[in-house]
Amino acid sequence: MAPRVDLMTCMRDEAPFVVEFVAHHLVLGFSRILVASNNCTDGTDALLDALAAAGAIRHLAHSVLPGEMPQRTGYARLRAAFGVNRSDWAMALDADEFLCVHAGDRSLAALLAEVPDGIDILALSAATFGPGGRSAWSPAPVTQVFRKAVPPAHRANGLVKSLFRAPASFKGFQNHSPVGYRGPKTAPVVMSGKGDVWEADPDLPLWKQLRHFRPDRIGHRLAQVNHYATKTWDSFRLRIARGRGAAPFGQSNTRHDQEYFDSIASAATRPDEAIQAYAPDVATQMAALRADPRVAAAEAAALALYAERIAALGP
């Protein structure tokens, strides 16, 4: 029997990117896509409801109170609502992150086939993409529009995203890794995207070990997580206004600023076409999702609102 592998994500005001994100990860072969949306103002929640009604995802809409951590709260609620503890594997990705497998036929199954028994966490490095010279948002798929990435050992690629076995073995889930190992070993065993294997330090919190890798540990041999960190400047400005999922709700977004954007934009000059291997199948899957009139209508309304908000920003 094939393992059940859950993809969890938390979204707020991500409507223009939802259909592509869902289609891509369905093509990879995730068993379930579990989405927690919070405090949406752009129709993301309506679009997710439509996708859930079509059977493509599971959706949990909820409110986050000021001071709460949206992602931490969302993952906990997804875990409880959809029985993630009973799954074989789980992963958490943001809506601007797309798993891109290099192993075998590039499927999720091919990636898992590379993970030996005894490995608890597959810690994958980012491949961070910039605007690639584009200055204005368009509703085209982000994986098609943005094709230039920072150099492999760039600090931005130190970002880690974890695919982890036996979710019940962990106390909680965070956006980079599970936390609070409570399985049968002294500590979980980790494998990187390079194929290196080590035992986590039992005296150091997992989030500190699996949040950001130093340059010599970054590697994309098995897979990479394409991180579309900036998109275009106008779209990025809306991201700033939305706030951060990994920070207390209501807190100003001081991380994603002009300096952050410029640092990625200036470094992202290297063509990276790896994800284009999925393009035909993803396009077919996106068309199938949009064939549902509820999905098409919800996405169209959200795209119109997004365009209005872009225009309202001014120069």
C-alpha atoms as a PDB file:
ATOM      1  CA  MET A   1       0.000   0.000   0.000  1.00  0.00           C
ATOM      2  CA  ALA A   2       1.303   3.439  -0.898  1.00  0.00           C
ATOM      3  CA  PRO A   3       2.094   5.667   2.086  1.00  0.00           C
ATOM      4  CA  ARG A   4      -0.234   8.536   2.920  1.00  0.00           C
ATOM      5  CA  VAL A   5       1.687  11.787   2.583  1.00  0.00           C
ATOM      6  CA  ASP A   6       0.051  15.028   3.697  1.00  0.00           C
ATOM      7  CA  LEU A   7       0.994  18.479   2.513  1.00  0.00           C
ATOM      8  CA  MET A   8      -0.028  21.193   4.967  1.00  0.00           C
ATOM      9  CA  THR A   9      -0.111  24.892   4.189  1.00  0.00           C
ATOM     10  CA  CYS A  10      -1.433  28.041   5.838  1.00  0.00           C
ATOM     11  CA  MET A  11      -2.735  30.845   3.648  1.00  0.00           C
ATOM     12  CA  ARG A  12      -3.884  34.418   4.001  1.00  0.00           C
ATOM     13  CA  ASP A  13      -4.627  36.522   0.909  1.00  0.00           C
ATOM     14  CA  GLU A  14      -2.858  34.193  -1.555  1.00  0.00           C
ATOM     15  CA  ALA A  15      -5.725  33.797  -4.060  1.00  0.00           C
ATOM     16  CA  PRO A  16      -3.817  34.458  -7.336  1.00  0.00           C
ATOM     17  CA  PHE A  17      -1.403  31.629  -6.576  1.00  0.00           C
ATOM     18  CA  VAL A  18      -3.692  28.980  -5.097  1.00  0.00           C
ATOM     19  CA  VAL A  19      -4.732  26.991  -8.177  1.00  0.00           C
ATOM     20  CA  GLU A  20      -1.148  26.598  -9.391  1.00  0.00           C
ATOM     21  CA  PHE A  21       0.094  25.588  -5.943  1.00  0.00           C
ATOM     22  CA  VAL A  22      -2.626  22.943  -5.574  1.00  0.00           C
ATOM     23  CA  ALA A  23      -2.230  21.633  -9.120  1.00  0.00           C
ATOM     24  CA  HIS A  24       1.551  21.330  -8.835  1.00  0.00           C
ATOM     25  CA  HIS A  25       1.465  19.326  -5.633  1.00  0.00           C
ATOM     26  CA  LEU A  26      -1.333  17.084  -6.857  1.00  0.00           C
ATOM     27  CA  VAL A  27       0.857  16.297  -9.872  1.00  0.00           C
ATOM     28  CA  LEU A  28       3.763  15.416  -7.568  1.00  0.00           C
ATOM     29  CA  GLY A  29       1.565  12.866  -5.832  1.00  0.00           C
ATOM     30  CA  PHE A  30       0.716  14.149  -2.365  1.00  0.00           C
ATOM     31  CA  SER A  31      -2.123  12.105  -0.914  1.00  0.00           C
ATOM     32  CA  ARG A  32      -3.864  15.094   0.637  1.00  0.00           C
ATOM     33  CA  ILE A  33      -3.420  18.854   0.511  1.00  0.00           C
ATOM     34  CA  LEU A  34      -4.595  20.383   3.783  1.00  0.00           C
ATOM     35  CA  VAL A  35      -5.066  24.149   3.855  1.00  0.00           C
ATOM     36  CA  ALA A  36      -5.774  26.392   6.825  1.00  0.00           C
ATOM     37  CA  SER A  37      -6.826  29.897   5.826  1.00  0.00           C
ATOM     38  CA  ASN A  38      -7.103  32.743   8.275  1.00  0.00           C
ATOM     39  CA  ASN A  39      -8.552  36.248   8.221  1.00  0.00           C
ATOM     40  CA  CYS A  40      -8.671  36.462   4.414  1.00  0.00           C
ATOM     41  CA  THR A  41      -9.745  39.675   2.698  1.00  0.00           C
ATOM     42  CA  ASP A  42      -9.187  38.800  -0.980  1.00  0.00           C
ATOM     43  CA  GLY A  43     -11.365  35.728  -1.588  1.00  0.00           C
ATOM     44  CA  THR A  44      -8.698  33.125  -0.841  1.00  0.00           C
ATOM     45  CA  ASP A  45     -11.067  31.384   1.567  1.00  0.00           C
ATOM     46  CA  ALA A  46     -13.876  31.276  -1.025  1.00  0.00           C
ATOM     47  CA  LEU A  47     -11.515  29.811  -3.624  1.00  0.00           C
ATOM     48  CA  LEU A  48     -10.298  27.208  -1.156  1.00  0.00           C
ATOM     49  CA  ASP A  49     -13.902  26.308  -0.311  1.00  0.00           C
ATOM     50  CA  ALA A  50     -14.561  25.764  -4.009  1.00  0.00           C
ATOM     51  CA  LEU A  51     -11.480  23.565  -4.379  1.00  0.00           C
ATOM     52  CA  ALA A  52     -12.526  21.580  -1.321  1.00  0.00           C
ATOM     53  CA  ALA A  53     -16.039  21.112  -2.729  1.00  0.00           C
ATOM     54  CA  ALA A  54     -14.410  19.815  -5.911  1.00  0.00           C
ATOM     55  CA  GLY A  55     -12.456  17.265  -3.864  1.00  0.00           C
ATOM     56  CA  ALA A  56      -9.009  18.686  -4.634  1.00  0.00           C
ATOM     57  CA  ILE A  57      -8.079  19.750  -1.100  1.00  0.00           C
ATOM     58  CA  ARG A  58      -9.254  19.822   2.504  1.00  0.00           C
ATOM     59  CA  HIS A  59      -9.887  23.346   3.778  1.00  0.00           C
ATOM     60  CA  LEU A  60     -10.169  24.703   7.295  1.00  0.00           C
ATOM     61  CA  ALA A  61     -11.085  28.391   7.617  1.00  0.00           C
ATOM     62  CA  HIS A  62     -10.374  29.913  11.004  1.00  0.00           C
ATOM     63  CA  SER A  63      -9.677  33.220  12.697  1.00  0.00           C
ATOM     64  CA  VAL A  64      -6.400  34.129  14.342  1.00  0.00           C
ATOM     65  CA  LEU A  65      -6.418  36.523  17.261  1.00  0.00           C
ATOM     66  CA  PRO A  66      -3.932  39.395  17.626  1.00  0.00           C
ATOM     67  CA  GLY A  67      -0.658  38.049  18.980  1.00  0.00           C
ATOM     68  CA  GLU A  68      -1.275  34.450  17.844  1.00  0.00           C
ATOM     69  CA  MET A  69       1.112  32.825  15.363  1.00  0.00           C
ATOM     70  CA  PRO A  70      -1.003  32.091  12.256  1.00  0.00           C
ATOM     71  CA  GLN A  71       1.064  29.186  10.950  1.00  0.00           C
ATOM     72  CA  ARG A  72       1.579  27.499  14.289  1.00  0.00           C
ATOM     73  CA  THR A  73      -2.135  27.789  15.047  1.00  0.00           C
ATOM     74  CA  GLY A  74      -3.093  26.643  11.564  1.00  0.00           C
ATOM     75  CA  TYR A  75      -0.915  23.543  11.589  1.00  0.00           C
ATOM     76  CA  ALA A  76      -2.239  22.497  14.980  1.00  0.00           C
ATOM     77  CA  ARG A  77      -5.819  22.848  13.781  1.00  0.00           C
ATOM     78  CA  LEU A  78      -5.147  20.962  10.548  1.00  0.00           C
ATOM     79  CA  ARG A  79      -3.508  18.187  12.541  1.00  0.00           C
ATOM     80  CA  ALA A  80      -6.526  17.808  14.792  1.00  0.00           C
ATOM     81  CA  ALA A  81      -9.182  18.231  12.112  1.00  0.00           C
ATOM     82  CA  PHE A  82      -7.762  15.858   9.515  1.00  0.00           C
ATOM     83  CA  GLY A  83      -5.965  13.187  11.527  1.00  0.00           C
ATOM     84  CA  VAL A  84      -2.452  14.010  10.331  1.00  0.00           C
ATOM     85  CA  ASN A  85      -1.052  11.817  13.102  1.00  0.00           C
ATOM     86  CA  ARG A  86      -2.369   8.781  11.230  1.00  0.00           C
ATOM     87  CA  SER A  87      -0.450   9.663   8.058  1.00  0.00           C
ATOM     88  CA  ASP A  88       2.883   8.115   7.133  1.00  0.00           C
ATOM     89  CA  TRP A  89       4.597  11.357   6.145  1.00  0.00           C
ATOM     90  CA  ALA A  90       3.831  15.079   6.305  1.00  0.00           C
ATOM     91  CA  MET A  91       5.313  18.307   5.019  1.00  0.00           C
ATOM     92  CA  ALA A  92       4.555  21.993   5.492  1.00  0.00           C
ATOM     93  CA  LEU A  93       5.052  24.465   2.641  1.00  0.00           C
ATOM     94  CA  ASP A  94       4.062  28.089   2.167  1.00  0.00           C
ATOM     95  CA  ALA A  95       2.026  29.152  -0.856  1.00  0.00           C
ATOM     96  CA  ASP A  96       5.162  30.591  -2.507  1.00  0.00           C
ATOM     97  CA  GLU A  97       7.060  27.298  -2.187  1.00  0.00           C
ATOM     98  CA  PHE A  98       6.930  24.455  -4.723  1.00  0.00           C
ATOM     99  CA  LEU A  99       8.604  21.104  -4.184  1.00  0.00           C
ATOM    100  CA  CYS A 100      10.764  20.148  -7.171  1.00  0.00           C
ATOM    101  CA  VAL A 101      12.103  16.582  -7.157  1.00  0.00           C
ATOM    102  CA  HIS A 102      15.259  15.538  -9.016  1.00  0.00           C
ATOM    103  CA  ALA A 103      15.225  11.854  -8.062  1.00  0.00           C
ATOM    104  CA  GLY A 104      13.899   9.216 -10.456  1.00  0.00           C
ATOM    105  CA  ASP A 105      10.822  10.281 -12.408  1.00  0.00           C
ATOM    106  CA  ARG A 106      10.595  13.474 -10.300  1.00  0.00           C
ATOM    107  CA  SER A 107       7.541  12.287  -8.376  1.00  0.00           C
ATOM    108  CA  LEU A 108       7.066  12.366  -4.637  1.00  0.00           C
ATOM    109  CA  ALA A 109       7.154   8.563  -4.670  1.00  0.00           C
ATOM    110  CA  ALA A 110      10.560   8.642  -6.360  1.00  0.00           C
ATOM    111  CA  LEU A 111      11.843  11.005  -3.684  1.00  0.00           C
ATOM    112  CA  LEU A 112      10.588   8.808  -0.851  1.00  0.00           C
ATOM    113  CA  ALA A 113      12.210   5.792  -2.514  1.00  0.00           C
ATOM    114  CA  GLU A 114      15.572   7.504  -1.913  1.00  0.00           C
ATOM    115  CA  VAL A 115      14.975   7.757   1.835  1.00  0.00           C
ATOM    116  CA  PRO A 116      16.243   4.686   3.711  1.00  0.00           C
ATOM    117  CA  ASP A 117      14.391   3.134   6.607  1.00  0.00           C
ATOM    118  CA  GLY A 118      15.435   4.794   9.825  1.00  0.00           C
ATOM    119  CA  ILE A 119      15.400   8.321   8.431  1.00  0.00           C
ATOM    120  CA  ASP A 120      12.858  10.443  10.274  1.00  0.00           C
ATOM    121  CA  ILE A 121      13.264  13.807   8.578  1.00  0.00           C
ATOM    122  CA  LEU A 122      14.248  14.694   5.016  1.00  0.00           C
ATOM    123  CA  ALA A 123      15.523  18.280   5.281  1.00  0.00           C
ATOM    124  CA  LEU A 124      15.405  19.963   1.876  1.00  0.00           C
ATOM    125  CA  SER A 125      17.113  23.176   0.840  1.00  0.00           C
ATOM    126  CA  ALA A 126      15.470  26.060  -0.975  1.00  0.00           C
ATOM    127  CA  ALA A 127      16.181  27.303  -4.466  1.00  0.00           C
ATOM    128  CA  THR A 128      15.262  30.979  -4.192  1.00  0.00           C
ATOM    129  CA  PHE A 129      13.916  32.855  -7.211  1.00  0.00           C
ATOM    130  CA  GLY A 130      13.793  36.586  -7.844  1.00  0.00           C
ATOM    131  CA  PRO A 131      11.797  38.849 -10.164  1.00  0.00           C
ATOM    132  CA  GLY A 132      14.013  38.117 -13.145  1.00  0.00           C
ATOM    133  CA  GLY A 133      13.756  41.654 -14.437  1.00  0.00           C
ATOM    134  CA  ARG A 134       9.959  41.771 -14.317  1.00  0.00           C
ATOM    135  CA  SER A 135       8.421  44.836 -12.744  1.00  0.00           C
ATOM    136  CA  ALA A 136       4.661  44.286 -13.031  1.00  0.00           C
ATOM    137  CA  TRP A 137       2.431  41.499 -11.744  1.00  0.00           C
ATOM    138  CA  SER A 138       0.501  39.324 -14.176  1.00  0.00           C
ATOM    139  CA  PRO A 139      -1.821  36.374 -13.440  1.00  0.00           C
ATOM    140  CA  ALA A 140       0.460  33.879 -15.230  1.00  0.00           C
ATOM    141  CA  PRO A 141       1.774  30.854 -13.265  1.00  0.00           C
ATOM    142  CA  VAL A 142       4.693  31.873 -11.085  1.00  0.00           C
ATOM    143  CA  THR A 143       6.716  28.793 -11.992  1.00  0.00           C
ATOM    144  CA  GLN A 144       6.563  29.854 -15.635  1.00  0.00           C
ATOM    145  CA  VAL A 145       7.203  33.565 -15.105  1.00  0.00           C
ATOM    146  CA  PHE A 146      10.090  33.493 -12.630  1.00  0.00           C
ATOM    147  CA  ARG A 147      12.999  31.371 -13.862  1.00  0.00           C
ATOM    148  CA  LYS A 148      16.103  32.986 -12.405  1.00  0.00           C
ATOM    149  CA  ALA A 149      17.468  31.901  -9.045  1.00  0.00           C
ATOM    150  CA  VAL A 150      20.236  32.904  -6.681  1.00  0.00           C
ATOM    151  CA  PRO A 151      23.496  30.864  -6.725  1.00  0.00           C
ATOM    152  CA  PRO A 152      23.235  27.439  -5.055  1.00  0.00           C
ATOM    153  CA  ALA A 153      25.257  28.366  -1.963  1.00  0.00           C
ATOM    154  CA  HIS A 154      23.542  31.733  -1.479  1.00  0.00           C
ATOM    155  CA  ARG A 155      22.358  32.393   2.054  1.00  0.00           C
ATOM    156  CA  ALA A 156      18.721  32.551   0.904  1.00  0.00           C
ATOM    157  CA  ASN A 157      18.981  28.886  -0.084  1.00  0.00           C
ATOM    158  CA  GLY A 158      19.848  27.979   3.488  1.00  0.00           C
ATOM    159  CA  LEU A 159      16.111  27.922   4.190  1.00  0.00           C
ATOM    160  CA  VAL A 160      15.032  24.382   5.155  1.00  0.00           C
ATOM    161  CA  LYS A 161      11.727  22.620   4.590  1.00  0.00           C
ATOM    162  CA  SER A 162      11.172  19.198   6.139  1.00  0.00           C
ATOM    163  CA  LEU A 163       9.363  16.124   4.890  1.00  0.00           C
ATOM    164  CA  PHE A 164       8.962  14.022   8.005  1.00  0.00           C
ATOM    165  CA  ARG A 165       7.940  10.473   8.818  1.00  0.00           C
ATOM    166  CA  ALA A 166       5.399   9.449  11.480  1.00  0.00           C
ATOM    167  CA  PRO A 167       3.883  12.851  12.366  1.00  0.00           C
ATOM    168  CA  ALA A 168       2.623  11.457  15.687  1.00  0.00           C
ATOM    169  CA  SER A 169       6.263  11.256  16.795  1.00  0.00           C
ATOM    170  CA  PHE A 170       6.405  15.035  17.146  1.00  0.00           C
ATOM    171  CA  LYS A 171       4.773  17.393  19.595  1.00  0.00           C
ATOM    172  CA  GLY A 172       4.090  20.092  17.030  1.00  0.00           C
ATOM    173  CA  PHE A 173       4.612  21.304  13.480  1.00  0.00           C
ATOM    174  CA  GLN A 174       6.238  24.553  12.451  1.00  0.00           C
ATOM    175  CA  ASN A 175       6.853  26.047   9.036  1.00  0.00           C
ATOM    176  CA  HIS A 176      10.412  24.683   8.686  1.00  0.00           C
ATOM    177  CA  SER A 177      10.265  21.439  10.625  1.00  0.00           C
ATOM    178  CA  PRO A 178       8.391  19.394  13.184  1.00  0.00           C
ATOM    179  CA  VAL A 179       9.307  20.118  16.804  1.00  0.00           C
ATOM    180  CA  GLY A 180       9.383  18.265  20.089  1.00  0.00           C
ATOM    181  CA  TYR A 181      10.454  14.758  19.054  1.00  0.00           C
ATOM    182  CA  ARG A 182       8.730  12.112  21.188  1.00  0.00           C
ATOM    183  CA  GLY A 183       9.449   8.962  19.212  1.00  0.00           C
ATOM    184  CA  PRO A 184      11.263   5.802  20.307  1.00  0.00           C
ATOM    185  CA  LYS A 185      14.816   7.043  19.624  1.00  0.00           C
ATOM    186  CA  THR A 186      17.020   9.403  21.556  1.00  0.00           C
ATOM    187  CA  ALA A 187      16.683  11.881  18.692  1.00  0.00           C
ATOM    188  CA  PRO A 188      15.372  11.790  15.103  1.00  0.00           C
ATOM    189  CA  VAL A 189      17.705  10.935  12.241  1.00  0.00           C
ATOM    190  CA  VAL A 190      17.942  13.596   9.531  1.00  0.00           C
ATOM    191  CA  MET A 191      18.852  13.290   5.848  1.00  0.00           C
ATOM    192  CA  SER A 192      19.606  16.371   3.759  1.00  0.00           C
ATOM    193  CA  GLY A 193      18.846  17.006   0.105  1.00  0.00           C
ATOM    194  CA  LYS A 194      22.511  16.236  -0.557  1.00  0.00           C
ATOM    195  CA  GLY A 195      22.062  12.784   0.945  1.00  0.00           C
ATOM    196  CA  ASP A 196      24.062  13.444   4.115  1.00  0.00           C
ATOM    197  CA  VAL A 197      22.715  11.697   7.235  1.00  0.00           C
ATOM    198  CA  TRP A 198      23.092  12.635  10.903  1.00  0.00           C
ATOM    199  CA  GLU A 199      21.333  12.318  14.228  1.00  0.00           C
ATOM    200  CA  ALA A 200      19.771  15.519  15.516  1.00  0.00           C
ATOM    201  CA  ASP A 201      21.198  16.966  18.700  1.00  0.00           C
ATOM    202  CA  PRO A 202      18.761  15.868  21.438  1.00  0.00           C
ATOM    203  CA  ASP A 203      19.752  18.846  23.594  1.00  0.00           C
ATOM    204  CA  LEU A 204      18.974  21.482  20.961  1.00  0.00           C
ATOM    205  CA  PRO A 205      15.440  22.331  19.760  1.00  0.00           C
ATOM    206  CA  LEU A 206      14.732  20.965  16.295  1.00  0.00           C
ATOM    207  CA  TRP A 207      13.612  24.344  15.004  1.00  0.00           C
ATOM    208  CA  LYS A 208      17.089  25.694  15.680  1.00  0.00           C
ATOM    209  CA  GLN A 209      18.704  22.822  13.772  1.00  0.00           C
ATOM    210  CA  LEU A 210      16.321  22.663  10.834  1.00  0.00           C
ATOM    211  CA  ARG A 211      15.479  26.273  10.089  1.00  0.00           C
ATOM    212  CA  HIS A 212      18.506  27.408   8.120  1.00  0.00           C
ATOM    213  CA  PHE A 213      21.562  25.495   6.859  1.00  0.00           C
ATOM    214  CA  ARG A 214      25.053  26.845   6.539  1.00  0.00           C
ATOM    215  CA  PRO A 215      26.340  27.007   2.924  1.00  0.00           C
ATOM    216  CA  ASP A 216      28.266  23.714   3.017  1.00  0.00           C
ATOM    217  CA  ARG A 217      25.111  21.812   3.978  1.00  0.00           C
ATOM    218  CA  ILE A 218      22.901  23.269   1.220  1.00  0.00           C
ATOM    219  CA  GLY A 219      22.274  20.733  -1.529  1.00  0.00           C
ATOM    220  CA  HIS A 220      19.727  19.942  -4.225  1.00  0.00           C
ATOM    221  CA  ARG A 221      20.738  16.464  -5.383  1.00  0.00           C
ATOM    222  CA  LEU A 222      17.483  14.768  -4.377  1.00  0.00           C
ATOM    223  CA  ALA A 223      15.102  17.710  -4.500  1.00  0.00           C
ATOM    224  CA  GLN A 224      14.778  21.436  -3.964  1.00  0.00           C
ATOM    225  CA  VAL A 225      12.020  23.682  -2.695  1.00  0.00           C
ATOM    226  CA  ASN A 226      11.531  26.457  -5.229  1.00  0.00           C
ATOM    227  CA  HIS A 227      10.912  29.595  -3.190  1.00  0.00           C
ATOM    228  CA  TYR A 228       9.360  32.461  -5.140  1.00  0.00           C
ATOM    229  CA  ALA A 229      10.373  34.910  -2.471  1.00  0.00           C
ATOM    230  CA  THR A 230       9.742  38.204  -4.233  1.00  0.00           C
ATOM    231  CA  LYS A 231       7.720  37.839  -7.437  1.00  0.00           C
ATOM    232  CA  THR A 232       7.363  41.433  -8.731  1.00  0.00           C
ATOM    233  CA  TRP A 233       7.742  44.563  -6.637  1.00  0.00           C
ATOM    234  CA  ASP A 234       4.044  45.477  -6.789  1.00  0.00           C
ATOM    235  CA  SER A 235       3.021  41.975  -5.699  1.00  0.00           C
ATOM    236  CA  PHE A 236       5.711  42.051  -3.019  1.00  0.00           C
ATOM    237  CA  ARG A 237       4.237  45.264  -1.602  1.00  0.00           C
ATOM    238  CA  LEU A 238       0.943  43.469  -1.061  1.00  0.00           C
ATOM    239  CA  ARG A 239       2.862  40.695   0.688  1.00  0.00           C
ATOM    240  CA  ILE A 240       4.339  43.254   3.081  1.00  0.00           C
ATOM    241  CA  ALA A 241       0.881  44.603   3.872  1.00  0.00           C
ATOM    242  CA  ARG A 242      -0.515  41.107   4.495  1.00  0.00           C
ATOM    243  CA  GLY A 243       1.829  40.358   7.385  1.00  0.00           C
ATOM    244  CA  ARG A 244       3.827  37.231   8.186  1.00  0.00           C
ATOM    245  CA  GLY A 245       2.507  33.798   9.024  1.00  0.00           C
ATOM    246  CA  ALA A 246       5.480  33.065  11.262  1.00  0.00           C
ATOM    247  CA  ALA A 247       5.075  36.238  13.329  1.00  0.00           C
ATOM    248  CA  PRO A 248       2.331  37.325  15.731  1.00  0.00           C
ATOM    249  CA  PHE A 249      -0.860  38.284  13.890  1.00  0.00           C
ATOM    250  CA  GLY A 250      -1.225  42.049  13.664  1.00  0.00           C
ATOM    251  CA  GLN A 251       2.504  42.713  13.942  1.00  0.00           C
ATOM    252  CA  SER A 252       4.025  44.886  11.215  1.00  0.00           C
ATOM    253  CA  ASN A 253       6.062  42.985   8.630  1.00  0.00           C
ATOM    254  CA  THR A 254       9.557  44.345   9.114  1.00  0.00           C
ATOM    255  CA  ARG A 255      11.356  41.412   7.491  1.00  0.00           C
ATOM    256  CA  HIS A 256      10.043  41.708   3.966  1.00  0.00           C
ATOM    257  CA  ASP A 257      11.184  45.192   3.033  1.00  0.00           C
ATOM    258  CA  GLN A 258      12.867  46.966   0.121  1.00  0.00           C
ATOM    259  CA  GLU A 259      16.291  45.722   1.239  1.00  0.00           C
ATOM    260  CA  TYR A 260      15.072  42.097   1.297  1.00  0.00           C
ATOM    261  CA  PHE A 261      13.576  42.453  -2.182  1.00  0.00           C
ATOM    262  CA  ASP A 262      16.662  44.109  -3.634  1.00  0.00           C
ATOM    263  CA  SER A 263      19.014  41.540  -2.129  1.00  0.00           C
ATOM    264  CA  ILE A 264      17.164  38.681  -3.832  1.00  0.00           C
ATOM    265  CA  ALA A 265      16.577  40.573  -7.071  1.00  0.00           C
ATOM    266  CA  SER A 266      20.257  41.457  -7.517  1.00  0.00           C
ATOM    267  CA  ALA A 267      21.460  37.900  -6.809  1.00  0.00           C
ATOM    268  CA  ALA A 268      18.843  35.953  -8.790  1.00  0.00           C
ATOM    269  CA  THR A 269      20.541  35.857 -12.185  1.00  0.00           C
ATOM    270  CA  ARG A 270      21.084  32.109 -12.654  1.00  0.00           C
ATOM    271  CA  PRO A 271      18.584  30.307 -14.951  1.00  0.00           C
ATOM    272  CA  ASP A 272      16.939  27.333 -13.222  1.00  0.00           C
ATOM    273  CA  GLU A 273      14.534  25.369 -15.410  1.00  0.00           C
ATOM    274  CA  ALA A 274      14.206  22.209 -13.316  1.00  0.00           C
ATOM    275  CA  ILE A 275      10.569  22.754 -12.422  1.00  0.00           C
ATOM    276  CA  GLN A 276       9.609  23.039 -16.085  1.00  0.00           C
ATOM    277  CA  ALA A 277       9.624  19.231 -16.220  1.00  0.00           C
ATOM    278  CA  TYR A 278       6.209  19.388 -14.538  1.00  0.00           C
ATOM    279  CA  ALA A 279       4.775  22.155 -16.730  1.00  0.00           C
ATOM    280  CA  PRO A 280       2.600  20.107 -19.119  1.00  0.00           C
ATOM    281  CA  ASP A 281       1.019  18.013 -16.365  1.00  0.00           C
ATOM    282  CA  VAL A 282       0.505  21.033 -14.114  1.00  0.00           C
ATOM    283  CA  ALA A 283      -1.173  22.960 -16.924  1.00  0.00           C
ATOM    284  CA  THR A 284      -3.521  20.011 -17.493  1.00  0.00           C
ATOM    285  CA  GLN A 285      -4.284  19.785 -13.784  1.00  0.00           C
ATOM    286  CA  MET A 286      -4.927  23.532 -13.517  1.00  0.00           C
ATOM    287  CA  ALA A 287      -7.345  23.320 -16.420  1.00  0.00           C
ATOM    288  CA  ALA A 288      -9.144  20.425 -14.760  1.00  0.00           C
ATOM    289  CA  LEU A 289      -9.524  22.400 -11.520  1.00  0.00           C
ATOM    290  CA  ARG A 290     -10.797  25.459 -13.372  1.00  0.00           C
ATOM    291  CA  ALA A 291     -13.316  23.333 -15.250  1.00  0.00           C
ATOM    292  CA  ASP A 292     -15.352  23.373 -12.061  1.00  0.00           C
ATOM    293  CA  PRO A 293     -17.491  26.528 -12.372  1.00  0.00           C
ATOM    294  CA  ARG A 294     -17.258  27.236  -8.649  1.00  0.00           C
ATOM    295  CA  VAL A 295     -13.473  27.250  -8.792  1.00  0.00           C
ATOM    296  CA  ALA A 296     -13.411  29.346 -11.954  1.00  0.00           C
ATOM    297  CA  ALA A 297     -15.797  31.944 -10.553  1.00  0.00           C
ATOM    298  CA  ALA A 298     -14.008  32.233  -7.197  1.00  0.00           C
ATOM    299  CA  GLU A 299     -10.611  32.573  -8.844  1.00  0.00           C
ATOM    300  CA  ALA A 300     -11.848  35.161 -11.347  1.00  0.00           C
ATOM    301  CA  ALA A 301     -13.326  37.304  -8.576  1.00  0.00           C
ATOM    302  CA  ALA A 302     -10.131  37.087  -6.538  1.00  0.00           C
ATOM    303  CA  LEU A 303      -7.917  37.953  -9.514  1.00  0.00           C
ATOM    304  CA  ALA A 304     -10.029  41.025 -10.272  1.00  0.00           C
ATOM    305  CA  LEU A 305      -9.708  42.197  -6.677  1.00  0.00           C
ATOM    306  CA  TYR A 306      -5.962  41.554  -6.678  1.00  0.00           C
ATOM    307  CA  ALA A 307      -5.569  43.635  -9.833  1.00  0.00           C
ATOM    308  CA  GLU A 308      -7.533  46.449  -8.184  1.00  0.00           C
ATOM    309  CA  ARG A 309      -5.264  46.357  -5.151  1.00  0.00           C
ATOM    310  CA  ILE A 310      -2.156  46.397  -7.343  1.00  0.00           C
ATOM    311  CA  ALA A 311      -3.497  49.405  -9.226  1.00  0.00           C
ATOM    312  CA  ALA A 312      -4.327  51.206  -5.958  1.00  0.00           C
ATOM    313  CA  LEU A 313      -0.696  51.012  -4.861  1.00  0.00           C
ATOM    314  CA  GLY A 314       0.284  53.579  -7.457  1.00  0.00           C
ATOM    315  CA  PRO A 315       3.840  54.005  -8.736  1.00  0.00           C
END
